[in-house]
Amino acid sequence: MKTFLNIILIFITGFFLEGCKKFVDKVPLDSFSDNDFWKSENSLRTYNWEFYNLFTGYGTGASGDFYFSSFTDDQDASALQTFPQNAAASNAAWNFYWVRKANIMLERIDDVPIDDASKNHWKGVAKFFRAYTYFNLVKTFGGVPFINRSLDLPDTSLIYKGHDPRALVMDSVLADLNFAVANLRTVDLANTVNKNIALAFLSRVGLYEGTYRKYHTELNLPNSDIYLQASKDAATQLMGAGYVLNPDYQTTYNSLDLSTNKQVIMYKQYAPGFLSHSVIGYTNSSTVMSGLTKNAVETYLATDGLPITISPNYKGDANIKDLRTNRDKRLLATIDTVLMYQGNLWNGFSSSTGYRPTKFLQPLDPNQLAPLNSTDAPLFGLPEVYLNYVEACAELSELGKYTLVQADLDKSVNLLRARAGVAALQLVGINGTAVNGVAFTDTKKDNDISSIIWELRRERRTELMMDGFRFDDLMRWKKGWYMDNSKNPDIFLGAKVPANPRITLSTDGYLRVYAATASRAFIDPKNYLSAIPTGQIALYANGSLSQNPGW
């Protein structure tokens, strides 16, 4: 009996060992292995959907590319926003997840059984998003580690790689975008990355980096003209691609459906019950709104094309009706006809500066509350392309690489002015501006830039007000001090309003948003870049990851 039981035990053990071996060798039925996943173009498309989370759009809660990007000289949040004083241990922006995801995709594409043109399209998609990620990293931190392949745990020499020079990283971004433009399909699925979207992004990147290198002379960065030329060339292609301006400025910002909008190149789609945002809710509720500053409102021209400091058409700002009379239509679409502030609430609404932002409002949205709004957000569009083009032309002209002519203004910025009901901008030589042939100079112009650059920057500010560009523009122009109230005091003031016990006024009668002692200093060069997270620096035993200047 003992011998028989031993034989049975051996048989049973052998059976289970063989069975376990067979099951261990098999792929789990409820998941994919990496080798099994990359089988078709559909697998590439599925893998890339997550990249679209990089486009914030209108955002939820109190964050987003539009309106919520209030840390500029354009808006004042109800609570004072200042630059950090000390380097933090962590920063969510220090994130290379998307770089690794793009690199994995690039390494797998050649194994997918599709034709070469399709492979190059998807390589273009991956390189677009790698460029998008690195561009945001460089804007925030400057030079960062550039990694062009996926990493595993044993790759410690690359995992703990220190800074690469800014020039190297941005040259790689430019190379990725040039590849994308050359290889992406002109048309793929609606509202997904294609050739025109890559061109729009290239025009943005080229202008940013070209002007950053031109104005941040302390960095001795070369080839600013190459980036400016790339911006100009990309914009030129898009300006001939069939896009046209909407007759109305505001319809791009409060549309429930941008799919047929002729000036939009790419948008973020929202739909009730699936994906929604908060912009309408925050400008249509009892929450104190982040109003436009006195400095921003006074930037808008009078209809004769002159600054309000010298225009005979300007009626003054004793009341909101006068302030809006004979003004740029973009201002009329951007602020309300009624001033709203503590002590003078309107339907329970108030703005930090008295000026209520209105350009995003849409009464037909099925839900007016945050975070349930469903208007679509424009991500890339013709107005920005026009502005990129004409600024790149002007900057190249000042570098002696191009000659800016009236036609450059007429096919770009003057189309925006015509829609806004503002007289055309005219050249008088290379360094002057004019209205109806009469030269003028804005009395508030900075002495270190030409009149034409000043006016083009004004157009960019007013056309893209609250669209999330202003902070980046100040950084690339080396004008961070505009955000310092000791040097630019109007950024902490709002509308001219009657006194009441709930508010404090400046000596000349403007709503003071913060206490008279409030201060926001800008430190050069420290605040042109964010601090590298100290927790990351501590991981580098060899000290190869160093801190940014001033931190």
Protein backbone atom coordinates (compact mmCIF):
# COMPACT_ATOMS: atom_id res chain seq x y z
CA MET A 1 0.00 0.00 0.00
CA LYS A 2 2.83 2.41 0.85
CA THR A 3 4.53 1.71 -2.48
CA PHE A 4 1.27 2.18 -4.37
CA LEU A 5 0.61 5.54 -2.64
CA ASN A 6 4.13 6.71 -3.53
CA ILE A 7 3.52 5.84 -7.19
CA ILE A 8 0.24 7.78 -7.15
CA LEU A 9 1.95 10.77 -5.48
CA ILE A 10 4.74 10.80 -8.08
CA PHE A 11 2.19 10.63 -10.91
CA ILE A 12 0.07 13.47 -9.49
CA THR A 13 3.14 15.65 -8.83
CA GLY A 14 4.41 15.11 -12.36
CA PHE A 15 1.02 15.95 -13.81
CA PHE A 16 0.81 19.25 -11.94
CA LEU A 17 4.40 20.19 -12.74
CA GLU A 18 3.77 19.60 -16.44
CA GLY A 19 0.49 21.52 -16.25
CA CYS A 20 2.12 24.45 -14.47
CA LYS A 21 4.88 24.53 -17.07
CA LYS A 22 2.30 24.72 -19.85
CA PHE A 23 0.36 27.51 -18.14
CA VAL A 24 3.50 29.51 -17.26
CA ASP A 25 4.56 29.40 -20.91
CA LYS A 26 1.28 30.92 -22.07
CA VAL A 27 0.48 34.63 -22.35
CA PRO A 28 -2.27 35.76 -19.95
CA LEU A 29 -5.59 35.87 -21.79
CA ASP A 30 -6.74 39.15 -20.22
CA SER A 31 -3.76 41.32 -21.21
CA PHE A 32 -1.35 42.09 -24.05
CA SER A 33 2.35 41.52 -24.09
CA ASP A 34 4.41 44.22 -25.76
CA ASN A 35 5.26 41.98 -28.70
CA ASP A 36 1.60 41.14 -29.29
CA PHE A 37 0.38 44.73 -29.16
CA TRP A 38 2.11 46.35 -32.16
CA LYS A 39 0.21 44.53 -34.90
CA SER A 40 -1.54 47.21 -36.97
CA GLU A 41 -2.01 50.93 -37.55
CA ASN A 42 -4.91 50.74 -35.15
CA SER A 43 -2.53 49.73 -32.35
CA LEU A 44 -0.45 52.84 -33.06
CA ARG A 45 -3.54 55.02 -33.02
CA THR A 46 -4.71 53.45 -29.76
CA TYR A 47 -1.30 53.97 -28.16
CA ASN A 48 -1.16 57.64 -29.14
CA TRP A 49 -4.57 58.73 -27.79
CA GLU A 50 -3.15 59.40 -24.34
CA PHE A 51 -0.87 62.11 -25.76
CA TYR A 52 -3.89 64.35 -26.27
CA ASN A 53 -4.11 64.80 -22.51
CA LEU A 54 -1.17 67.18 -22.96
CA PHE A 55 -3.57 69.78 -24.36
CA THR A 56 -5.10 71.39 -21.28
CA GLY A 57 -7.56 73.65 -23.11
CA TYR A 58 -10.08 75.40 -20.90
CA GLY A 59 -9.32 73.19 -17.92
CA THR A 60 -11.24 72.22 -14.84
CA GLY A 61 -11.08 73.45 -11.29
CA ALA A 62 -8.92 76.58 -11.31
CA SER A 63 -6.34 75.62 -13.93
CA GLY A 64 -6.30 75.90 -17.70
CA ASP A 65 -4.66 77.61 -20.65
CA PHE A 66 -7.41 80.26 -20.90
CA TYR A 67 -8.53 82.74 -18.23
CA PHE A 68 -6.92 80.71 -15.43
CA SER A 69 -3.45 81.66 -16.73
CA SER A 70 -3.82 84.83 -14.67
CA PHE A 71 -0.24 85.08 -13.40
CA THR A 72 0.71 87.90 -15.78
CA ASP A 73 0.34 91.65 -16.10
CA ASP A 74 -3.04 91.07 -17.84
CA GLN A 75 -5.11 89.85 -14.90
CA ASP A 76 -5.30 90.02 -11.13
CA ALA A 77 -6.48 87.02 -9.17
CA SER A 78 -8.41 87.85 -6.02
CA ALA A 79 -5.41 86.68 -3.94
CA LEU A 80 -1.97 88.06 -4.74
CA GLN A 81 0.20 85.74 -6.85
CA THR A 82 3.96 86.04 -6.50
CA PHE A 83 7.08 84.29 -7.74
CA PRO A 84 8.38 81.50 -5.46
CA GLN A 85 11.17 82.56 -3.14
CA ASN A 86 12.81 79.18 -2.61
CA ALA A 87 13.34 76.05 -4.67
CA ALA A 88 10.73 73.40 -3.94
CA ALA A 89 11.47 69.70 -3.44
CA SER A 90 9.13 68.74 -6.30
CA ASN A 91 7.49 70.27 -9.34
CA ALA A 92 4.86 68.50 -11.45
CA ALA A 93 6.32 70.12 -14.57
CA TRP A 94 9.54 68.08 -14.14
CA ASN A 95 7.98 65.09 -15.87
CA PHE A 96 9.58 62.93 -18.57
CA TYR A 97 6.74 60.41 -18.83
CA TRP A 98 5.65 61.71 -22.23
CA VAL A 99 9.22 61.65 -23.54
CA ARG A 100 9.51 57.95 -22.70
CA LYS A 101 6.10 57.22 -24.18
CA ALA A 102 7.10 58.90 -27.46
CA ASN A 103 10.44 57.10 -27.53
CA ILE A 104 8.76 53.71 -27.04
CA MET A 105 6.41 54.45 -29.92
CA LEU A 106 9.32 55.44 -32.18
CA GLU A 107 11.13 52.19 -31.35
CA ARG A 108 8.11 50.01 -32.16
CA ILE A 109 6.80 51.57 -35.38
CA ASP A 110 9.16 49.82 -37.78
CA ASP A 111 7.90 46.43 -36.54
CA VAL A 112 4.29 47.23 -37.43
CA PRO A 113 3.22 45.74 -40.79
CA ILE A 114 2.20 48.96 -42.57
CA ASP A 115 3.65 50.84 -45.54
CA ASP A 116 6.57 53.25 -45.18
CA ALA A 117 4.47 56.40 -45.64
CA SER A 118 2.22 55.30 -42.78
CA LYS A 119 5.23 54.47 -40.62
CA ASN A 120 6.65 57.93 -41.23
CA HIS A 121 3.30 59.54 -40.40
CA TRP A 122 3.25 57.84 -37.00
CA LYS A 123 6.89 58.66 -36.40
CA GLY A 124 5.89 62.24 -37.11
CA VAL A 125 3.12 62.00 -34.51
CA ALA A 126 5.52 60.65 -31.89
CA LYS A 127 8.12 63.29 -32.70
CA PHE A 128 5.47 66.02 -32.54
CA PHE A 129 4.56 65.04 -28.99
CA ARG A 130 8.21 64.58 -27.96
CA ALA A 131 8.87 68.09 -29.27
CA TYR A 132 5.76 69.39 -27.50
CA THR A 133 6.97 67.93 -24.19
CA TYR A 134 10.54 69.16 -24.49
CA PHE A 135 9.40 72.64 -25.53
CA ASN A 136 7.38 72.92 -22.33
CA LEU A 137 10.29 71.58 -20.27
CA VAL A 138 12.72 74.09 -21.77
CA LYS A 139 10.33 77.01 -21.28
CA THR A 140 10.06 76.08 -17.62
CA PHE A 141 13.56 74.89 -16.71
CA GLY A 142 15.94 75.82 -19.54
CA GLY A 143 18.46 73.11 -20.40
CA VAL A 144 17.23 69.65 -19.37
CA PRO A 145 18.41 66.07 -20.00
CA PHE A 146 17.59 65.13 -23.59
CA ILE A 147 16.75 61.44 -24.01
CA ASN A 148 15.96 60.02 -27.45
CA ARG A 149 15.33 56.38 -26.53
CA SER A 150 13.31 54.55 -23.92
CA LEU A 151 15.18 53.71 -20.73
CA ASP A 152 15.14 50.68 -18.45
CA LEU A 153 16.41 50.36 -14.90
CA PRO A 154 19.96 49.29 -15.88
CA ASP A 155 20.43 52.48 -17.97
CA THR A 156 21.71 54.45 -14.99
CA SER A 157 24.17 56.52 -17.02
CA LEU A 158 21.25 58.02 -18.94
CA ILE A 159 18.73 57.98 -16.12
CA TYR A 160 21.11 60.18 -14.12
CA LYS A 161 22.18 62.24 -17.11
CA GLY A 162 22.67 65.91 -16.26
CA HIS A 163 21.59 69.01 -18.14
CA ASP A 164 22.02 69.14 -21.86
CA PRO A 165 22.57 72.65 -23.20
CA ARG A 166 19.40 74.52 -24.09
CA ALA A 167 20.66 74.90 -27.65
CA LEU A 168 21.02 71.13 -28.07
CA VAL A 169 17.56 70.39 -26.69
CA MET A 170 15.82 73.04 -28.78
CA ASP A 171 17.74 72.07 -31.91
CA SER A 172 16.40 68.55 -31.33
CA VAL A 173 12.87 69.96 -30.93
CA LEU A 174 13.28 71.80 -34.23
CA ALA A 175 14.54 68.63 -35.93
CA ASP A 176 11.56 66.64 -34.60
CA LEU A 177 9.11 69.25 -35.87
CA ASN A 178 10.77 69.49 -39.26
CA PHE A 179 10.42 65.70 -39.57
CA ALA A 180 6.79 65.90 -38.50
CA VAL A 181 5.96 68.60 -41.04
CA ALA A 182 7.65 66.62 -43.82
CA ASN A 183 5.96 63.30 -43.03
CA LEU A 184 2.60 63.83 -41.34
CA ARG A 185 -0.54 63.32 -43.37
CA THR A 186 -2.31 66.46 -44.47
CA VAL A 187 -5.57 64.82 -43.36
CA ASP A 188 -5.99 62.03 -40.83
CA LEU A 189 -8.84 61.54 -38.38
CA ALA A 190 -10.61 64.85 -37.70
CA ASN A 191 -8.91 67.07 -35.12
CA THR A 192 -5.87 64.83 -34.66
CA VAL A 193 -2.25 65.78 -35.27
CA ASN A 194 -1.55 66.39 -38.94
CA LYS A 195 0.78 68.46 -41.12
CA ASN A 196 -1.04 71.77 -40.55
CA ILE A 197 -1.12 71.34 -36.79
CA ALA A 198 2.63 70.63 -36.82
CA LEU A 199 3.15 73.77 -38.93
CA ALA A 200 1.15 75.83 -36.43
CA PHE A 201 3.21 74.49 -33.56
CA LEU A 202 6.45 75.05 -35.49
CA SER A 203 5.48 78.68 -36.05
CA ARG A 204 4.95 79.02 -32.28
CA VAL A 205 8.18 77.28 -31.29
CA GLY A 206 10.29 79.11 -33.87
CA LEU A 207 9.09 82.52 -32.74
CA TYR A 208 9.53 81.70 -29.06
CA GLU A 209 13.06 80.34 -29.34
CA GLY A 210 14.19 82.85 -31.95
CA THR A 211 13.20 85.83 -29.84
CA TYR A 212 14.43 84.20 -26.62
CA ARG A 213 17.88 83.82 -28.16
CA LYS A 214 17.78 87.37 -29.55
CA TYR A 215 16.83 89.12 -26.32
CA HIS A 216 18.55 86.93 -23.72
CA THR A 217 21.98 88.01 -24.90
CA GLU A 218 23.59 86.89 -21.63
CA LEU A 219 23.13 83.26 -22.73
CA ASN A 220 25.09 83.69 -25.99
CA LEU A 221 22.68 81.36 -27.81
CA PRO A 222 23.31 81.14 -31.57
CA ASN A 223 21.04 80.97 -34.61
CA SER A 224 18.09 83.05 -33.50
CA ASP A 225 17.49 83.81 -37.16
CA ILE A 226 17.16 80.11 -38.03
CA TYR A 227 14.26 79.75 -35.58
CA LEU A 228 12.62 82.99 -36.70
CA GLN A 229 12.88 81.88 -40.31
CA ALA A 230 11.33 78.53 -39.40
CA SER A 231 8.44 80.38 -37.75
CA LYS A 232 7.94 82.66 -40.74
CA ASP A 233 8.08 79.79 -43.25
CA ALA A 234 5.65 77.61 -41.30
CA ALA A 235 3.21 80.49 -40.86
CA THR A 236 3.45 81.34 -44.56
CA GLN A 237 2.39 77.82 -45.51
CA LEU A 238 -0.62 77.96 -43.21
CA MET A 239 -1.65 81.41 -44.45
CA GLY A 240 -2.11 79.83 -47.87
CA ALA A 241 -3.86 76.68 -46.64
CA GLY A 242 -7.46 77.89 -46.86
CA TYR A 243 -8.10 79.11 -43.31
CA VAL A 244 -10.01 82.40 -42.97
CA LEU A 245 -10.90 84.67 -40.06
CA ASN A 246 -14.34 84.47 -38.51
CA PRO A 247 -16.28 87.71 -38.97
CA ASP A 248 -16.77 87.88 -35.21
CA TYR A 249 -13.88 87.74 -32.70
CA GLN A 250 -15.77 86.14 -29.82
CA THR A 251 -17.28 83.17 -31.65
CA THR A 252 -14.00 81.27 -31.42
CA TYR A 253 -14.08 81.44 -27.62
CA ASN A 254 -17.73 80.70 -26.82
CA SER A 255 -18.65 78.10 -29.44
CA LEU A 256 -20.37 74.84 -28.56
CA ASP A 257 -18.89 73.33 -31.72
CA LEU A 258 -15.65 74.46 -33.37
CA SER A 259 -15.63 71.66 -35.95
CA THR A 260 -16.72 73.99 -38.76
CA ASN A 261 -14.85 77.09 -37.58
CA LYS A 262 -12.77 78.28 -40.55
CA GLN A 263 -9.98 79.90 -38.53
CA VAL A 264 -9.38 77.03 -36.09
CA ILE A 265 -6.60 74.58 -36.95
CA MET A 266 -7.04 72.38 -33.87
CA TYR A 267 -9.41 72.50 -30.93
CA LYS A 268 -10.25 70.58 -27.76
CA GLN A 269 -13.76 69.19 -27.90
CA TYR A 270 -16.01 69.20 -24.84
CA ALA A 271 -19.36 67.46 -24.43
CA PRO A 272 -21.80 67.31 -21.50
CA GLY A 273 -21.44 64.12 -19.53
CA PHE A 274 -18.14 63.16 -21.17
CA LEU A 275 -15.61 66.00 -20.83
CA SER A 276 -16.30 69.48 -19.50
CA HIS A 277 -14.50 72.53 -18.14
CA SER A 278 -14.84 75.46 -15.72
CA VAL A 279 -14.20 78.70 -17.62
CA ILE A 280 -17.81 79.80 -17.93
CA GLY A 281 -18.56 78.81 -14.36
CA TYR A 282 -15.73 80.90 -12.95
CA THR A 283 -16.82 83.98 -14.93
CA ASN A 284 -20.53 83.47 -14.25
CA SER A 285 -20.76 82.92 -10.50
CA SER A 286 -20.29 84.57 -7.13
CA THR A 287 -16.62 83.59 -7.10
CA VAL A 288 -14.54 86.76 -7.38
CA MET A 289 -13.27 86.81 -10.96
CA SER A 290 -9.70 87.46 -12.05
CA GLY A 291 -10.36 90.75 -13.80
CA LEU A 292 -8.30 92.54 -16.42
CA THR A 293 -5.81 95.05 -15.06
CA LYS A 294 -5.82 98.77 -15.75
CA ASN A 295 -2.58 98.18 -17.64
CA ALA A 296 -4.19 95.59 -19.92
CA VAL A 297 -7.36 97.57 -20.64
CA GLU A 298 -5.36 100.68 -21.53
CA THR A 299 -3.33 98.68 -24.08
CA TYR A 300 -6.30 98.46 -26.45
CA LEU A 301 -6.25 101.13 -29.16
CA ALA A 302 -8.91 103.62 -30.14
CA THR A 303 -10.65 102.96 -33.46
CA ASP A 304 -8.37 105.47 -35.22
CA GLY A 305 -5.45 103.13 -34.51
CA LEU A 306 -3.87 105.46 -31.97
CA PRO A 307 -3.02 104.70 -28.33
CA ILE A 308 -5.53 106.18 -25.93
CA THR A 309 -2.86 108.54 -24.55
CA ILE A 310 -2.85 110.49 -27.85
CA SER A 311 -6.11 109.61 -29.63
CA PRO A 312 -8.73 112.39 -29.90
CA ASN A 313 -11.37 109.66 -30.14
CA TYR A 314 -10.77 108.37 -26.61
CA LYS A 315 -13.49 109.51 -24.19
CA GLY A 316 -11.67 108.71 -20.95
CA ASP A 317 -12.44 106.21 -18.20
CA ALA A 318 -14.69 108.16 -15.86
CA ASN A 319 -17.26 105.42 -16.47
CA ILE A 320 -17.42 102.13 -18.34
CA LYS A 321 -19.52 103.59 -21.17
CA ASP A 322 -16.92 106.24 -21.97
CA LEU A 323 -14.08 103.74 -21.68
CA ARG A 324 -15.71 101.45 -24.27
CA THR A 325 -16.58 104.24 -26.73
CA ASN A 326 -14.51 104.31 -29.94
CA ARG A 327 -12.41 101.37 -28.81
CA ASP A 328 -11.08 98.16 -30.34
CA LYS A 329 -13.95 95.65 -30.70
CA ARG A 330 -11.79 93.01 -29.05
CA LEU A 331 -11.97 95.00 -25.83
CA LEU A 332 -15.75 95.25 -26.14
CA ALA A 333 -15.98 91.46 -26.45
CA THR A 334 -13.56 90.86 -23.60
CA ILE A 335 -15.01 93.00 -20.77
CA ASP A 336 -18.60 93.62 -19.71
CA THR A 337 -20.68 96.76 -20.10
CA VAL A 338 -21.07 96.93 -16.31
CA LEU A 339 -18.40 97.28 -13.64
CA MET A 340 -18.65 94.67 -10.89
CA TYR A 341 -16.70 94.88 -7.64
CA GLN A 342 -17.10 94.60 -3.88
CA GLY A 343 -19.67 97.17 -2.81
CA ASN A 344 -21.12 97.26 -6.32
CA LEU A 345 -22.13 93.67 -7.03
CA TRP A 346 -24.12 92.87 -10.17
CA ASN A 347 -26.32 89.78 -9.85
CA GLY A 348 -23.97 88.79 -7.03
CA PHE A 349 -20.96 88.90 -9.37
CA SER A 350 -17.72 90.74 -8.74
CA SER A 351 -14.31 91.05 -10.35
CA SER A 352 -11.02 91.74 -8.61
CA THR A 353 -10.51 94.80 -10.82
CA GLY A 354 -14.11 95.73 -11.60
CA TYR A 355 -13.73 94.52 -15.18
CA ARG A 356 -15.67 91.30 -15.72
CA PRO A 357 -14.18 88.95 -18.37
CA THR A 358 -16.89 88.11 -20.93
CA LYS A 359 -15.22 86.63 -24.02
CA PHE A 360 -15.82 83.03 -22.87
CA LEU A 361 -19.49 83.41 -21.87
CA GLN A 362 -22.09 81.34 -23.70
CA PRO A 363 -25.69 81.52 -22.38
CA LEU A 364 -26.72 78.57 -24.57
CA ASP A 365 -24.33 76.19 -22.83
CA PRO A 366 -26.57 73.56 -21.21
CA ASN A 367 -24.85 74.02 -17.86
CA GLN A 368 -23.42 77.32 -16.64
CA LEU A 369 -21.81 75.89 -13.51
CA ALA A 370 -18.20 74.78 -13.06
CA PRO A 371 -16.90 72.23 -13.94
CA LEU A 372 -19.72 71.30 -16.32
CA ASN A 373 -19.19 73.75 -19.21
CA SER A 374 -19.00 72.34 -22.72
CA THR A 375 -17.81 75.06 -25.14
CA ASP A 376 -14.86 73.97 -27.30
CA ALA A 377 -11.37 75.39 -26.73
CA PRO A 378 -9.23 76.64 -29.67
CA LEU A 379 -5.69 75.21 -29.42
CA PHE A 380 -4.15 76.42 -32.69
CA GLY A 381 -5.69 79.02 -34.98
CA LEU A 382 -5.12 81.52 -37.76
CA PRO A 383 -4.90 84.66 -35.56
CA GLU A 384 -1.86 83.29 -33.70
CA VAL A 385 -0.32 82.25 -37.03
CA TYR A 386 -0.74 85.81 -38.38
CA LEU A 387 0.88 87.22 -35.26
CA ASN A 388 3.73 84.70 -35.36
CA TYR A 389 4.35 85.53 -39.01
CA VAL A 390 4.47 89.29 -38.72
CA GLU A 391 6.57 89.32 -35.53
CA ALA A 392 9.06 86.88 -37.08
CA CYS A 393 9.24 89.12 -40.17
CA ALA A 394 9.92 92.20 -38.04
CA GLU A 395 12.55 90.47 -35.92
CA LEU A 396 14.31 89.05 -38.98
CA SER A 397 14.26 92.52 -40.48
CA GLU A 398 16.02 93.93 -37.43
CA LEU A 399 18.61 91.17 -37.71
CA GLY A 400 19.24 92.15 -41.32
CA LYS A 401 17.90 88.82 -42.62
CA TYR A 402 14.73 90.17 -44.22
CA THR A 403 13.08 93.48 -45.13
CA LEU A 404 9.72 94.07 -43.50
CA VAL A 405 7.26 95.64 -45.97
CA GLN A 406 3.73 96.97 -45.78
CA ALA A 407 2.39 93.84 -47.47
CA ASP A 408 3.56 91.77 -44.48
CA LEU A 409 1.33 93.85 -42.21
CA ASP A 410 -1.60 93.92 -44.62
CA LYS A 411 -1.84 90.13 -44.92
CA SER A 412 -1.55 89.50 -41.19
CA VAL A 413 -2.01 92.00 -38.40
CA ASN A 414 -4.13 94.43 -40.45
CA LEU A 415 -6.66 91.67 -41.12
CA LEU A 416 -7.04 91.31 -37.35
CA ARG A 417 -7.36 95.08 -36.96
CA ALA A 418 -9.99 95.29 -39.69
CA ARG A 419 -12.12 92.71 -37.88
CA ALA A 420 -11.64 94.70 -34.66
CA GLY A 421 -12.71 97.97 -36.33
CA VAL A 422 -9.26 99.53 -35.86
CA ALA A 423 -7.38 101.55 -38.50
CA ALA A 424 -4.57 99.72 -40.27
CA LEU A 425 -0.99 99.75 -39.05
CA GLN A 426 1.32 101.43 -41.55
CA LEU A 427 5.08 101.46 -41.86
CA VAL A 428 7.14 104.64 -41.93
CA GLY A 429 10.62 103.30 -42.57
CA ILE A 430 11.62 100.25 -40.60
CA ASN A 431 11.40 101.74 -37.09
CA GLY A 432 8.24 103.79 -37.23
CA THR A 433 4.49 103.28 -37.27
CA ALA A 434 1.75 105.47 -38.66
CA VAL A 435 -1.98 105.94 -38.96
CA ASN A 436 -3.18 107.24 -42.30
CA GLY A 437 0.41 108.09 -43.16
CA VAL A 438 1.00 110.16 -40.02
CA ALA A 439 3.85 108.94 -37.85
CA PHE A 440 3.37 108.58 -34.12
CA THR A 441 5.12 107.06 -31.15
CA ASP A 442 3.34 105.68 -28.12
CA THR A 443 4.47 107.68 -25.10
CA LYS A 444 4.59 104.47 -23.08
CA LYS A 445 6.90 102.62 -25.49
CA ASP A 446 10.01 100.96 -24.05
CA ASN A 447 13.17 102.69 -25.22
CA ASP A 448 14.99 99.46 -26.03
CA ILE A 449 12.70 98.33 -28.85
CA SER A 450 11.51 99.87 -32.10
CA SER A 451 8.06 101.36 -32.62
CA ILE A 452 7.03 98.60 -35.01
CA ILE A 453 8.00 95.84 -32.56
CA TRP A 454 6.11 97.69 -29.82
CA GLU A 455 2.94 97.89 -31.91
CA LEU A 456 3.13 94.25 -32.99
CA ARG A 457 3.51 93.18 -29.37
CA ARG A 458 0.44 95.27 -28.53
CA GLU A 459 -1.54 93.46 -31.23
CA ARG A 460 -0.45 90.09 -29.89
CA ARG A 461 -1.48 91.03 -26.39
CA THR A 462 -4.94 92.31 -27.32
CA GLU A 463 -5.78 89.58 -29.86
CA LEU A 464 -4.71 86.77 -27.49
CA MET A 465 -5.89 88.31 -24.22
CA MET A 466 -6.36 85.60 -21.54
CA ASP A 467 -5.41 82.87 -24.04
CA GLY A 468 -2.37 81.64 -22.09
CA PHE A 469 0.39 83.27 -24.16
CA ARG A 470 1.25 86.36 -22.14
CA PHE A 471 3.60 84.85 -19.54
CA ASP A 472 5.64 83.05 -22.21
CA ASP A 473 5.77 86.24 -24.27
CA LEU A 474 7.17 88.25 -21.36
CA MET A 475 9.79 85.59 -20.70
CA ARG A 476 11.00 85.38 -24.32
CA TRP A 477 11.09 89.17 -24.74
CA LYS A 478 13.04 89.47 -21.47
CA LYS A 479 10.29 91.67 -20.08
CA GLY A 480 9.63 89.83 -16.84
CA TRP A 481 9.82 93.14 -15.00
CA TYR A 482 6.39 94.01 -16.45
CA MET A 483 5.04 91.75 -13.69
CA ASP A 484 6.83 93.73 -10.97
CA ASN A 485 4.39 96.26 -9.49
CA SER A 486 7.22 98.48 -8.24
CA LYS A 487 8.17 99.06 -11.89
CA ASN A 488 4.72 98.69 -13.46
CA PRO A 489 2.21 99.84 -10.81
CA ASP A 490 -0.88 99.75 -13.05
CA ILE A 491 -0.85 95.95 -12.97
CA PHE A 492 -2.25 96.07 -9.42
CA LEU A 493 -4.99 98.57 -10.28
CA GLY A 494 -8.41 98.16 -11.84
CA ALA A 495 -11.21 100.41 -13.05
CA LYS A 496 -11.87 103.99 -11.97
CA VAL A 497 -14.81 103.68 -9.57
CA PRO A 498 -16.56 105.71 -6.84
CA ALA A 499 -15.35 105.17 -3.29
CA ASN A 500 -17.16 102.79 -0.97
CA PRO A 501 -16.22 101.14 2.35
CA ARG A 502 -15.59 97.73 0.76
CA ILE A 503 -12.70 98.81 -1.48
CA THR A 504 -9.49 100.81 -1.47
CA LEU A 505 -8.67 103.33 -4.18
CA SER A 506 -5.41 104.75 -5.49
CA THR A 507 -4.85 108.47 -5.11
CA ASP A 508 -6.27 109.06 -8.60
CA GLY A 509 -9.39 106.97 -8.02
CA TYR A 510 -8.61 103.51 -9.43
CA LEU A 511 -9.62 100.34 -7.64
CA ARG A 512 -6.63 98.99 -5.74
CA VAL A 513 -6.78 95.19 -5.98
CA TYR A 514 -4.41 94.45 -3.11
CA ALA A 515 -3.22 96.32 -0.06
CA ALA A 516 -1.05 99.36 -0.76
CA THR A 517 1.89 97.48 0.77
CA ALA A 518 1.46 94.45 -1.55
CA SER A 519 4.55 93.64 -3.57
CA ARG A 520 5.54 91.31 -6.37
CA ALA A 521 9.22 91.53 -7.18
CA PHE A 522 10.77 90.10 -10.32
CA ILE A 523 14.39 88.98 -9.92
CA ASP A 524 16.55 88.80 -13.04
CA PRO A 525 17.76 86.19 -14.05
CA LYS A 526 16.25 84.00 -11.33
CA ASN A 527 12.60 84.30 -12.32
CA TYR A 528 13.07 83.66 -16.02
CA LEU A 529 13.29 79.95 -15.19
CA SER A 530 11.76 77.78 -12.51
CA ALA A 531 13.93 76.05 -9.95
CA ILE A 532 15.02 72.48 -10.62
CA PRO A 533 13.25 70.45 -7.90
CA THR A 534 15.70 69.89 -5.06
CA GLY A 535 14.40 66.34 -4.66
CA GLN A 536 15.58 65.58 -8.18
CA ILE A 537 18.97 67.16 -7.63
CA ALA A 538 19.42 65.00 -4.53
CA LEU A 539 19.03 61.84 -6.63
CA TYR A 540 22.14 62.67 -8.66
CA ALA A 541 25.03 61.38 -6.58
CA ASN A 542 27.56 62.77 -9.05
CA GLY A 543 26.14 66.30 -8.84
CA SER A 544 25.55 66.42 -12.58
CA LEU A 545 22.11 68.00 -12.15
CA SER A 546 22.72 71.55 -10.98
CA GLN A 547 20.36 74.31 -9.93
CA ASN A 548 19.25 77.14 -12.20
CA PRO A 549 20.79 80.63 -11.75
CA GLY A 550 19.59 82.59 -8.75
CA TRP A 551 17.96 79.69 -6.91
